[in-house]
């Protein structure tokens, strides 16, 4: 059976389009799952509650960008989650590094670490910093590992 070249070209084009649409849909659904997760939501709530961090970003408005799926800092396992959330405001931007653990009995997520790393180099620990104290010059004692901006 002989197939014309134009039919093969059409089949290649349609296959490419369907594959691209499938990959795009998968990327969208993964980002949607991340943004709806409790560990993601808890971290952003902690950021929004810290007025110094919000002022440093120039927020509101706070823009939360898509997580880089290929970034090795983003790891989600059944009982632990470590994610690096890109955020920007009108003045500055940076990454919100978070670590959460899941309670085996309640299956609820608890935020164990939340650090805002700004592009200009300032770090704000969102869990220990309170608005009544002056902003720290640097954050000590955090398990930042190989975090880089």
N, C-alpha and C. Protein backbone atom coordinates (compact mmCIF):
# COMPACT_ATOMS: atom_id res chain seq x y z
N UNK A 1 0.84 -1.18 0.00
CA UNK A 1 0.00 0.00 0.00
C UNK A 1 0.88 1.24 0.00
N UNK A 2 0.57 2.13 -0.86
CA UNK A 2 1.37 3.32 -1.05
C UNK A 2 0.66 4.52 -0.44
N UNK A 3 1.39 5.33 0.34
CA UNK A 3 0.83 6.52 0.98
C UNK A 3 1.54 7.73 0.41
N UNK A 4 0.78 8.73 0.05
CA UNK A 4 1.38 9.92 -0.55
C UNK A 4 2.14 10.73 0.50
N UNK A 5 3.10 11.49 0.02
CA UNK A 5 3.90 12.33 0.89
C UNK A 5 3.06 13.39 1.58
N UNK A 6 2.09 13.94 0.88
CA UNK A 6 1.25 14.97 1.49
C UNK A 6 0.44 14.41 2.66
N UNK A 7 -0.01 13.17 2.56
CA UNK A 7 -0.75 12.53 3.66
C UNK A 7 0.17 12.33 4.87
N UNK A 8 1.41 11.93 4.61
CA UNK A 8 2.37 11.76 5.70
C UNK A 8 2.68 13.10 6.37
N UNK A 9 2.80 14.16 5.58
CA UNK A 9 3.04 15.49 6.13
C UNK A 9 1.88 15.93 7.00
N UNK A 10 0.66 15.72 6.52
CA UNK A 10 -0.52 16.08 7.30
C UNK A 10 -0.57 15.30 8.61
N UNK A 11 -0.27 14.02 8.54
CA UNK A 11 -0.28 13.20 9.74
C UNK A 11 0.78 13.68 10.74
N UNK A 12 1.96 14.05 10.25
CA UNK A 12 3.02 14.56 11.11
C UNK A 12 2.60 15.88 11.76
N UNK A 13 1.96 16.75 11.00
CA UNK A 13 1.51 18.05 11.53
C UNK A 13 0.45 17.84 12.60
N UNK A 14 -0.54 17.00 12.33
CA UNK A 14 -1.60 16.75 13.31
C UNK A 14 -1.05 16.10 14.58
N UNK A 15 -0.12 15.18 14.42
CA UNK A 15 0.49 14.53 15.58
C UNK A 15 1.25 15.54 16.42
N UNK A 16 1.98 16.43 15.76
CA UNK A 16 2.73 17.47 16.47
C UNK A 16 1.78 18.40 17.22
N UNK A 17 0.70 18.81 16.57
CA UNK A 17 -0.28 19.69 17.22
C UNK A 17 -0.92 19.02 18.42
N UNK A 18 -1.31 17.77 18.28
CA UNK A 18 -1.94 17.06 19.39
C UNK A 18 -0.96 16.86 20.55
N UNK A 19 0.28 16.55 20.24
CA UNK A 19 1.29 16.38 21.28
C UNK A 19 1.53 17.70 22.01
N UNK A 20 1.66 18.79 21.27
CA UNK A 20 1.84 20.11 21.88
C UNK A 20 0.67 20.50 22.76
N UNK A 21 -0.53 20.25 22.28
CA UNK A 21 -1.73 20.56 23.07
C UNK A 21 -1.78 19.71 24.33
N UNK A 22 -1.39 18.45 24.21
CA UNK A 22 -1.37 17.57 25.38
C UNK A 22 -0.35 18.02 26.42
N UNK A 23 0.83 18.41 25.96
CA UNK A 23 1.86 18.90 26.88
C UNK A 23 1.43 20.20 27.54
N UNK A 24 0.84 21.10 26.78
CA UNK A 24 0.35 22.36 27.33
C UNK A 24 -0.74 22.14 28.37
N UNK A 25 -1.64 21.22 28.09
CA UNK A 25 -2.70 20.91 29.05
C UNK A 25 -2.13 20.31 30.32
N UNK A 26 -1.17 19.42 30.19
CA UNK A 26 -0.53 18.80 31.36
C UNK A 26 0.17 19.85 32.21
N UNK A 27 0.90 20.77 31.58
CA UNK A 27 1.59 21.85 32.30
C UNK A 27 0.58 22.71 33.05
N UNK A 28 -0.50 23.08 32.40
CA UNK A 28 -1.54 23.90 33.02
C UNK A 28 -2.15 23.19 34.22
N UNK A 29 -2.45 21.90 34.08
CA UNK A 29 -3.08 21.16 35.17
C UNK A 29 -2.12 20.97 36.36
N UNK A 30 -0.84 20.77 36.09
CA UNK A 30 0.14 20.66 37.17
C UNK A 30 0.25 21.98 37.93
N UNK A 31 0.32 23.10 37.22
CA UNK A 31 0.38 24.41 37.87
C UNK A 31 -0.87 24.67 38.70
N UNK A 32 -2.01 24.28 38.17
CA UNK A 32 -3.28 24.46 38.88
C UNK A 32 -3.29 23.63 40.16
N UNK A 33 -2.79 22.40 40.10
CA UNK A 33 -2.71 21.55 41.29
C UNK A 33 -1.79 22.15 42.34
N UNK A 34 -0.64 22.69 41.92
CA UNK A 34 0.27 23.34 42.86
C UNK A 34 -0.41 24.52 43.53
N UNK A 35 -1.05 25.37 42.76
CA UNK A 35 -1.63 26.59 43.33
C UNK A 35 -2.82 26.31 44.24
N UNK A 36 -3.46 25.18 44.09
CA UNK A 36 -4.61 24.82 44.94
C UNK A 36 -4.20 24.01 46.17
N UNK A 37 -2.96 23.60 46.24
CA UNK A 37 -2.53 22.74 47.35
C UNK A 37 -2.44 23.53 48.65
N UNK A 38 -2.60 22.82 49.76
CA UNK A 38 -2.56 23.46 51.08
C UNK A 38 -1.17 24.01 51.39
N UNK A 39 -0.11 23.30 51.02
CA UNK A 39 1.24 23.77 51.32
C UNK A 39 1.56 25.06 50.56
N UNK A 40 1.04 25.22 49.38
CA UNK A 40 1.21 26.45 48.59
C UNK A 40 0.38 27.58 49.19
N UNK A 41 -0.86 27.29 49.52
CA UNK A 41 -1.78 28.29 50.08
C UNK A 41 -1.28 28.79 51.44
N UNK A 42 -0.83 27.87 52.31
CA UNK A 42 -0.33 28.27 53.63
C UNK A 42 0.87 29.21 53.52
N UNK A 43 1.77 28.93 52.59
CA UNK A 43 2.95 29.77 52.41
C UNK A 43 2.57 31.17 51.95
N UNK A 44 1.63 31.27 51.01
CA UNK A 44 1.21 32.59 50.53
C UNK A 44 0.44 33.36 51.59
N UNK A 45 -0.34 32.67 52.41
CA UNK A 45 -1.04 33.34 53.51
C UNK A 45 -0.03 33.91 54.50
N UNK A 46 1.03 33.16 54.78
CA UNK A 46 2.07 33.63 55.69
C UNK A 46 2.78 34.86 55.11
N UNK A 47 3.03 34.85 53.82
CA UNK A 47 3.65 36.01 53.17
C UNK A 47 2.74 37.23 53.24
N UNK A 48 1.47 37.05 52.93
CA UNK A 48 0.53 38.18 52.94
C UNK A 48 0.31 38.73 54.33
N UNK A 49 0.51 37.92 55.37
CA UNK A 49 0.32 38.37 56.75
C UNK A 49 1.52 39.16 57.26
N UNK A 50 2.65 39.09 56.58
CA UNK A 50 3.86 39.77 57.02
C UNK A 50 3.98 41.11 56.28
N UNK A 51 3.68 42.19 56.98
CA UNK A 51 3.63 43.51 56.36
C UNK A 51 5.01 43.97 55.87
N UNK A 52 6.06 43.63 56.60
CA UNK A 52 7.41 44.03 56.18
C UNK A 52 7.79 43.36 54.86
N UNK A 53 7.47 42.09 54.74
CA UNK A 53 7.77 41.37 53.49
C UNK A 53 6.96 41.95 52.34
N UNK A 54 5.69 42.24 52.60
CA UNK A 54 4.84 42.81 51.55
C UNK A 54 5.35 44.19 51.14
N UNK A 55 5.77 45.00 52.12
CA UNK A 55 6.32 46.32 51.81
C UNK A 55 7.62 46.22 51.02
N UNK A 56 8.45 45.24 51.35
CA UNK A 56 9.71 45.05 50.62
C UNK A 56 9.47 44.70 49.16
N UNK A 57 8.40 43.95 48.92
CA UNK A 57 8.05 43.59 47.55
C UNK A 57 7.34 44.73 46.82
N UNK A 58 6.73 45.64 47.58
CA UNK A 58 5.90 46.67 46.96
C UNK A 58 4.51 46.15 46.69
N UNK A 59 4.05 45.29 47.57
CA UNK A 59 2.73 44.69 47.39
C UNK A 59 1.77 45.24 48.43
N UNK A 60 0.49 45.31 48.17
CA UNK A 60 -0.17 44.86 46.96
C UNK A 60 0.12 45.79 45.78
N UNK A 61 0.01 45.31 44.59
CA UNK A 61 -0.42 43.98 44.17
C UNK A 61 0.73 42.98 44.26
N UNK A 62 0.39 41.79 44.70
CA UNK A 62 1.33 40.68 44.76
C UNK A 62 1.05 39.76 43.59
N UNK A 63 2.07 39.49 42.80
CA UNK A 63 1.91 38.59 41.66
C UNK A 63 2.65 37.30 41.97
N UNK A 64 1.93 36.20 41.94
CA UNK A 64 2.50 34.88 42.17
C UNK A 64 2.65 34.20 40.82
N UNK A 65 3.88 33.87 40.47
CA UNK A 65 4.17 33.29 39.16
C UNK A 65 4.13 31.76 39.24
N UNK A 66 4.15 31.14 38.07
CA UNK A 66 4.16 29.68 38.00
C UNK A 66 5.45 29.12 38.58
N UNK A 67 5.32 27.98 39.22
CA UNK A 67 6.46 27.27 39.77
C UNK A 67 7.23 26.65 38.60
N UNK A 68 8.56 26.70 38.68
CA UNK A 68 9.38 26.07 37.65
C UNK A 68 9.40 24.57 37.92
N UNK A 69 8.72 23.82 37.09
CA UNK A 69 8.55 22.39 37.34
C UNK A 69 9.86 21.62 37.28
N UNK A 70 10.84 22.10 36.54
CA UNK A 70 12.11 21.40 36.43
C UNK A 70 13.12 21.81 37.50
N UNK A 71 12.76 22.76 38.36
CA UNK A 71 13.66 23.22 39.41
C UNK A 71 13.81 22.13 40.47
N UNK A 72 15.04 21.83 40.84
CA UNK A 72 15.29 20.75 41.80
C UNK A 72 14.89 21.13 43.22
N UNK A 73 14.59 22.40 43.47
CA UNK A 73 14.13 22.83 44.80
C UNK A 73 12.67 22.47 45.03
N UNK A 74 11.96 22.14 44.00
CA UNK A 74 10.54 21.81 44.12
C UNK A 74 10.39 20.30 44.23
N UNK A 75 10.05 19.87 45.44
CA UNK A 75 9.87 18.44 45.70
C UNK A 75 8.61 18.26 46.52
N UNK A 76 7.75 17.40 46.06
CA UNK A 76 6.54 17.07 46.81
C UNK A 76 6.47 15.56 46.95
N UNK A 77 6.42 15.12 48.18
CA UNK A 77 6.29 13.71 48.49
C UNK A 77 5.04 13.54 49.35
N UNK A 78 4.64 12.31 49.65
CA UNK A 78 3.39 12.13 50.39
C UNK A 78 3.32 12.89 51.73
N UNK A 79 4.45 13.02 52.45
CA UNK A 79 4.39 13.68 53.76
C UNK A 79 5.32 14.87 53.90
N UNK A 80 5.98 15.28 52.83
CA UNK A 80 6.81 16.49 52.85
C UNK A 80 6.65 17.24 51.54
N UNK A 81 6.79 18.55 51.62
CA UNK A 81 6.74 19.38 50.41
C UNK A 81 7.72 20.53 50.58
N UNK A 82 8.59 20.70 49.62
CA UNK A 82 9.52 21.83 49.57
C UNK A 82 9.33 22.49 48.21
N UNK A 83 8.90 23.74 48.23
CA UNK A 83 8.67 24.43 46.96
C UNK A 83 9.27 25.82 47.00
N UNK A 84 9.60 26.30 45.82
CA UNK A 84 10.19 27.63 45.60
C UNK A 84 9.19 28.39 44.73
N UNK A 85 8.52 29.37 45.33
CA UNK A 85 7.44 30.08 44.65
C UNK A 85 7.95 31.45 44.19
N UNK A 86 7.96 31.73 42.89
CA UNK A 86 8.37 33.06 42.42
C UNK A 86 7.26 34.08 42.68
N UNK A 87 7.63 35.19 43.31
CA UNK A 87 6.67 36.26 43.61
C UNK A 87 7.28 37.61 43.23
N UNK A 88 6.43 38.54 42.83
CA UNK A 88 6.87 39.91 42.55
C UNK A 88 5.83 40.89 43.05
N UNK A 89 6.31 42.08 43.33
CA UNK A 89 5.45 43.20 43.66
C UNK A 89 5.84 44.35 42.75
N UNK A 90 5.40 45.55 43.09
CA UNK A 90 5.71 46.69 42.24
C UNK A 90 7.15 47.19 42.43
N UNK A 91 7.79 46.90 43.58
CA UNK A 91 9.15 47.35 43.84
C UNK A 91 10.22 46.30 43.60
N UNK A 92 9.95 45.07 43.98
CA UNK A 92 10.97 44.03 43.92
C UNK A 92 10.31 42.67 43.74
N UNK A 93 11.12 41.68 43.56
CA UNK A 93 10.64 40.32 43.40
C UNK A 93 11.61 39.37 44.05
N UNK A 94 11.26 38.12 44.06
CA UNK A 94 12.13 37.12 44.65
C UNK A 94 11.44 35.78 44.69
N UNK A 95 11.95 34.95 45.58
CA UNK A 95 11.42 33.60 45.72
C UNK A 95 10.99 33.37 47.16
N UNK A 96 9.88 32.69 47.32
CA UNK A 96 9.39 32.27 48.62
C UNK A 96 9.74 30.79 48.75
N UNK A 97 10.74 30.50 49.59
CA UNK A 97 11.17 29.12 49.83
C UNK A 97 10.35 28.57 50.99
N UNK A 98 9.69 27.45 50.77
CA UNK A 98 8.82 26.89 51.80
C UNK A 98 9.11 25.41 52.01
N UNK A 99 8.83 24.99 53.22
CA UNK A 99 8.93 23.58 53.57
C UNK A 99 7.72 23.26 54.44
N UNK A 100 7.04 22.19 54.12
CA UNK A 100 5.84 21.79 54.86
C UNK A 100 5.88 20.29 55.12
N UNK A 101 5.25 19.90 56.23
CA UNK A 101 5.11 18.48 56.54
C UNK A 101 3.64 18.17 56.73
N UNK A 102 3.31 16.94 56.44
CA UNK A 102 1.92 16.51 56.53
C UNK A 102 1.73 15.67 57.78
N UNK A 103 0.71 16.02 58.57
CA UNK A 103 0.38 15.27 59.78
C UNK A 103 -0.25 13.94 59.36
N UNK A 104 0.33 12.81 59.79
CA UNK A 104 -0.21 11.52 59.34
C UNK A 104 -1.62 11.22 59.85
N UNK A 105 -2.00 11.78 61.02
CA UNK A 105 -3.34 11.51 61.54
C UNK A 105 -4.41 12.36 60.87
N UNK A 106 -4.17 13.65 60.77
CA UNK A 106 -5.20 14.54 60.20
C UNK A 106 -5.05 14.73 58.70
N UNK A 107 -3.87 14.36 58.17
CA UNK A 107 -3.52 14.56 56.75
C UNK A 107 -3.53 16.03 56.35
N UNK A 108 -3.42 16.92 57.34
CA UNK A 108 -3.31 18.35 57.06
C UNK A 108 -1.85 18.76 56.97
N UNK A 109 -1.59 19.80 56.20
CA UNK A 109 -0.22 20.28 56.01
C UNK A 109 0.11 21.36 57.04
N UNK A 110 1.35 21.33 57.56
CA UNK A 110 1.85 22.34 58.49
C UNK A 110 3.10 22.97 57.90
N UNK A 111 3.12 24.28 57.87
CA UNK A 111 4.26 25.01 57.33
C UNK A 111 5.38 25.01 58.36
N UNK A 112 6.55 24.49 58.00
CA UNK A 112 7.67 24.44 58.93
C UNK A 112 8.73 25.49 58.63
N UNK A 113 8.76 25.98 57.41
CA UNK A 113 9.74 27.00 57.04
C UNK A 113 9.19 27.83 55.89
N UNK A 114 9.35 29.14 56.01
CA UNK A 114 8.95 30.06 54.94
C UNK A 114 9.91 31.23 54.95
N UNK A 115 10.71 31.34 53.91
CA UNK A 115 11.72 32.40 53.81
C UNK A 115 11.54 33.11 52.48
N UNK A 116 11.42 34.43 52.54
CA UNK A 116 11.35 35.24 51.32
C UNK A 116 12.76 35.72 51.00
N UNK A 117 13.27 35.33 49.85
CA UNK A 117 14.59 35.76 49.37
C UNK A 117 14.36 36.77 48.26
N UNK A 118 14.68 38.04 48.53
CA UNK A 118 14.49 39.08 47.53
C UNK A 118 15.66 39.12 46.56
N UNK A 119 15.44 39.68 45.38
CA UNK A 119 16.51 39.79 44.37
C UNK A 119 17.67 40.62 44.87
N UNK A 120 17.38 41.62 45.67
CA UNK A 120 18.44 42.50 46.17
C UNK A 120 19.25 41.85 47.29
N UNK A 121 18.90 40.62 47.69
CA UNK A 121 19.69 39.88 48.66
C UNK A 121 19.09 39.76 50.04
N UNK A 122 18.12 40.57 50.38
CA UNK A 122 17.51 40.51 51.71
C UNK A 122 16.71 39.23 51.87
N UNK A 123 16.82 38.63 53.07
CA UNK A 123 16.04 37.43 53.41
C UNK A 123 15.14 37.76 54.58
N UNK A 124 13.90 37.34 54.49
CA UNK A 124 12.95 37.56 55.57
C UNK A 124 12.36 36.21 55.94
N UNK A 125 12.59 35.80 57.20
CA UNK A 125 12.00 34.56 57.70
C UNK A 125 10.58 34.88 58.13
N UNK A 126 9.62 34.33 57.45
CA UNK A 126 8.22 34.68 57.68
C UNK A 126 7.63 33.99 58.90
N UNK A 127 8.25 32.96 59.41
CA UNK A 127 7.70 32.25 60.56
C UNK A 127 8.18 32.80 61.89
N UNK A 128 9.39 33.37 61.96
CA UNK A 128 9.89 33.89 63.22
C UNK A 128 9.83 35.40 63.30
N UNK A 129 9.71 36.07 62.19
CA UNK A 129 9.68 37.52 62.16
C UNK A 129 8.30 38.04 62.53
N UNK A 130 8.26 38.97 63.46
CA UNK A 130 6.98 39.58 63.84
C UNK A 130 7.00 41.04 63.44
N UNK A 131 5.85 41.62 63.07
CA UNK A 131 5.82 43.00 62.62
C UNK A 131 6.27 44.01 63.68
N UNK A 132 6.23 43.66 64.98
CA UNK A 132 6.59 44.61 66.02
C UNK A 132 8.11 44.75 66.17
N UNK A 133 8.89 43.85 65.61
CA UNK A 133 10.34 43.94 65.70
C UNK A 133 10.90 44.49 64.40
N UNK A 134 12.07 45.14 64.46
CA UNK A 134 12.66 45.66 63.22
C UNK A 134 13.07 44.51 62.31
N UNK A 135 13.11 44.75 61.00
CA UNK A 135 13.50 43.69 60.08
C UNK A 135 14.94 43.25 60.31
N UNK A 136 15.20 41.95 60.30
CA UNK A 136 16.56 41.46 60.51
C UNK A 136 17.44 41.75 59.31
N UNK A 137 18.76 41.95 59.59
CA UNK A 137 19.70 42.17 58.50
C UNK A 137 19.95 40.89 57.72
N UNK A 138 20.02 39.80 58.43
CA UNK A 138 20.18 38.51 57.77
C UNK A 138 19.51 37.45 58.62
N UNK A 139 19.19 36.36 58.01
CA UNK A 139 18.52 35.27 58.70
C UNK A 139 19.55 34.19 59.00
N UNK A 140 19.67 33.85 60.29
CA UNK A 140 20.64 32.84 60.69
C UNK A 140 19.92 31.59 61.15
N UNK A 141 20.58 30.46 61.02
CA UNK A 141 20.05 29.22 61.54
C UNK A 141 19.02 28.54 60.67
N UNK A 142 18.79 29.03 59.48
CA UNK A 142 17.82 28.39 58.60
C UNK A 142 18.50 27.28 57.81
N UNK A 143 17.74 26.26 57.53
CA UNK A 143 18.25 25.17 56.71
C UNK A 143 18.02 25.52 55.25
N UNK A 144 18.86 26.38 54.72
CA UNK A 144 18.66 26.82 53.34
C UNK A 144 19.32 25.89 52.34
N UNK A 145 20.21 25.03 52.79
CA UNK A 145 20.84 24.07 51.88
C UNK A 145 21.50 24.76 50.70
N UNK A 146 21.07 24.42 49.52
CA UNK A 146 21.66 24.97 48.30
C UNK A 146 20.75 25.98 47.64
N UNK A 147 19.95 26.68 48.42
CA UNK A 147 19.03 27.65 47.83
C UNK A 147 19.83 28.75 47.16
N UNK A 148 19.44 29.09 45.98
CA UNK A 148 20.06 30.21 45.27
C UNK A 148 18.98 30.93 44.51
N UNK A 149 19.19 32.19 44.29
CA UNK A 149 18.15 32.97 43.60
C UNK A 149 18.30 32.98 42.14
